[in-house]
Amino acid sequence: MKKIRTILVVSIAMFFPLLAQAEINKVNVKKVEQDLYQTSDGSYIQTNNCFVDANGSDAVLKFEKYACNNNLRFNAQTICEVIDVVK
């Protein structure tokens, strides 16, 4: 029983970091419509109540599918919640 528990703990410890890694990318975005931004590479970023009028603005995108802390950071004071990214 102790051996099974040890194997389980080690397996979880090895697998967990794979789940916890969000992609962080510098992007150049323009606003397409309310809560929808397009990057220079053609991807679309859906936000929640983001009021930044970006027109070729540089930003940092932190996104991990199904995570609850995804964001698009325009500067230190302007951070928007990201719902989805479609490439």
C-alpha atoms as a PDB file:
ATOM      1  CA  MET A   1       0.000   0.000   0.000  1.00  0.00           C
ATOM      2  CA  LYS A   2       2.826   2.388   0.865  1.00  0.00           C
ATOM      3  CA  LYS A   3       4.531   1.646  -2.462  1.00  0.00           C
ATOM      4  CA  ILE A   4       1.344   2.434  -4.413  1.00  0.00           C
ATOM      5  CA  ARG A   5       0.934   5.732  -2.548  1.00  0.00           C
ATOM      6  CA  THR A   6       4.549   6.664  -3.280  1.00  0.00           C
ATOM      7  CA  ILE A   7       4.135   5.889  -6.978  1.00  0.00           C
ATOM      8  CA  LEU A   8       0.943   7.948  -7.073  1.00  0.00           C
ATOM      9  CA  VAL A   9       2.571  10.966  -5.383  1.00  0.00           C
ATOM     10  CA  VAL A  10       5.597  10.843  -7.690  1.00  0.00           C
ATOM     11  CA  SER A  11       3.355  10.538 -10.772  1.00  0.00           C
ATOM     12  CA  ILE A  12       1.282  13.553  -9.733  1.00  0.00           C
ATOM     13  CA  ALA A  13       4.412  15.573  -8.926  1.00  0.00           C
ATOM     14  CA  MET A  14       5.817  14.861 -12.393  1.00  0.00           C
ATOM     15  CA  PHE A  15       2.548  15.578 -14.228  1.00  0.00           C
ATOM     16  CA  PHE A  16       1.431  18.744 -12.374  1.00  0.00           C
ATOM     17  CA  PRO A  17       4.016  21.146 -13.878  1.00  0.00           C
ATOM     18  CA  LEU A  18       2.741  20.251 -17.348  1.00  0.00           C
ATOM     19  CA  LEU A  19      -0.690  21.561 -16.368  1.00  0.00           C
ATOM     20  CA  ALA A  20       0.521  24.757 -14.729  1.00  0.00           C
ATOM     21  CA  GLN A  21       2.448  26.339 -17.603  1.00  0.00           C
ATOM     22  CA  ALA A  22       0.729  29.245 -19.309  1.00  0.00           C
ATOM     23  CA  GLU A  23       1.968  30.692 -22.572  1.00  0.00           C
ATOM     24  CA  ILE A  24       3.285  34.228 -22.200  1.00  0.00           C
ATOM     25  CA  ASN A  25       3.788  36.098 -25.465  1.00  0.00           C
ATOM     26  CA  LYS A  26       4.460  39.645 -26.569  1.00  0.00           C
ATOM     27  CA  VAL A  27       1.781  40.559 -29.087  1.00  0.00           C
ATOM     28  CA  ASN A  28       0.791  43.512 -31.206  1.00  0.00           C
ATOM     29  CA  VAL A  29      -2.994  43.948 -31.128  1.00  0.00           C
ATOM     30  CA  LYS A  30      -5.720  46.040 -32.659  1.00  0.00           C
ATOM     31  CA  LYS A  31      -9.319  46.257 -31.504  1.00  0.00           C
ATOM     32  CA  VAL A  32     -11.803  44.695 -33.913  1.00  0.00           C
ATOM     33  CA  GLU A  33     -14.938  45.269 -31.818  1.00  0.00           C
ATOM     34  CA  GLN A  34     -15.964  45.333 -28.158  1.00  0.00           C
ATOM     35  CA  ASP A  35     -14.034  42.568 -26.352  1.00  0.00           C
ATOM     36  CA  LEU A  36     -12.400  41.253 -29.521  1.00  0.00           C
ATOM     37  CA  TYR A  37      -8.787  41.978 -30.474  1.00  0.00           C
ATOM     38  CA  GLN A  38      -6.706  40.714 -33.388  1.00  0.00           C
ATOM     39  CA  THR A  39      -2.972  40.097 -33.192  1.00  0.00           C
ATOM     40  CA  SER A  40      -0.527  40.875 -35.980  1.00  0.00           C
ATOM     41  CA  ASP A  41      -0.223  37.116 -36.710  1.00  0.00           C
ATOM     42  CA  GLY A  42      -3.994  36.790 -37.272  1.00  0.00           C
ATOM     43  CA  SER A  43      -5.061  35.300 -33.933  1.00  0.00           C
ATOM     44  CA  TYR A  44      -8.160  36.622 -32.168  1.00  0.00           C
ATOM     45  CA  ILE A  45      -8.311  37.371 -28.442  1.00  0.00           C
ATOM     46  CA  GLN A  46     -11.708  37.445 -26.737  1.00  0.00           C
ATOM     47  CA  THR A  47     -11.755  39.535 -23.572  1.00  0.00           C
ATOM     48  CA  ASN A  48     -14.241  40.351 -20.832  1.00  0.00           C
ATOM     49  CA  ASN A  49     -15.156  44.047 -20.431  1.00  0.00           C
ATOM     50  CA  CYS A  50     -11.913  45.365 -21.901  1.00  0.00           C
ATOM     51  CA  PHE A  51     -12.192  49.015 -22.917  1.00  0.00           C
ATOM     52  CA  VAL A  52      -8.725  49.596 -24.417  1.00  0.00           C
ATOM     53  CA  ASP A  53      -8.882  51.184 -27.878  1.00  0.00           C
ATOM     54  CA  ALA A  54      -5.813  49.409 -29.256  1.00  0.00           C
ATOM     55  CA  ASN A  55      -4.649  50.171 -32.764  1.00  0.00           C
ATOM     56  CA  GLY A  56      -1.335  48.382 -33.209  1.00  0.00           C
ATOM     57  CA  SER A  57      -0.563  48.453 -29.476  1.00  0.00           C
ATOM     58  CA  ASP A  58       2.068  46.226 -27.905  1.00  0.00           C
ATOM     59  CA  ALA A  59       0.841  44.002 -25.082  1.00  0.00           C
ATOM     60  CA  VAL A  60       1.707  40.835 -23.178  1.00  0.00           C
ATOM     61  CA  LEU A  61      -0.679  37.901 -23.491  1.00  0.00           C
ATOM     62  CA  LYS A  62      -0.771  35.289 -20.742  1.00  0.00           C
ATOM     63  CA  PHE A  63      -3.033  32.427 -21.760  1.00  0.00           C
ATOM     64  CA  GLU A  64      -3.610  28.833 -20.774  1.00  0.00           C
ATOM     65  CA  LYS A  65      -6.706  27.021 -22.048  1.00  0.00           C
ATOM     66  CA  TYR A  66      -9.266  26.455 -19.238  1.00  0.00           C
ATOM     67  CA  ALA A  67      -7.318  28.570 -16.727  1.00  0.00           C
ATOM     68  CA  CYS A  68      -9.037  31.355 -14.813  1.00  0.00           C
ATOM     69  CA  ASN A  69      -6.162  33.863 -14.659  1.00  0.00           C
ATOM     70  CA  ASN A  70      -5.627  34.590 -18.364  1.00  0.00           C
ATOM     71  CA  ASN A  71      -4.932  38.219 -19.181  1.00  0.00           C
ATOM     72  CA  LEU A  72      -3.832  40.743 -21.756  1.00  0.00           C
ATOM     73  CA  ARG A  73      -1.552  43.361 -20.217  1.00  0.00           C
ATOM     74  CA  PHE A  74      -1.179  46.630 -22.078  1.00  0.00           C
ATOM     75  CA  ASN A  75       0.841  48.297 -19.311  1.00  0.00           C
ATOM     76  CA  ALA A  76       1.137  48.106 -15.535  1.00  0.00           C
ATOM     77  CA  GLN A  77      -2.237  49.786 -14.983  1.00  0.00           C
ATOM     78  CA  THR A  78      -4.241  48.259 -17.851  1.00  0.00           C
ATOM     79  CA  ILE A  79      -4.897  44.532 -17.622  1.00  0.00           C
ATOM     80  CA  CYS A  80      -7.828  42.813 -19.331  1.00  0.00           C
ATOM     81  CA  GLU A  81      -9.260  39.390 -18.562  1.00  0.00           C
ATOM     82  CA  VAL A  82      -8.932  36.990 -21.503  1.00  0.00           C
ATOM     83  CA  ILE A  83     -11.665  34.430 -22.167  1.00  0.00           C
ATOM     84  CA  ASP A  84     -10.276  32.690 -25.256  1.00  0.00           C
ATOM     85  CA  VAL A  85      -7.660  32.861 -27.997  1.00  0.00           C
ATOM     86  CA  VAL A  86      -8.418  31.530 -31.468  1.00  0.00           C
ATOM     87  CA  LYS A  87      -5.598  31.035 -33.958  1.00  0.00           C
END
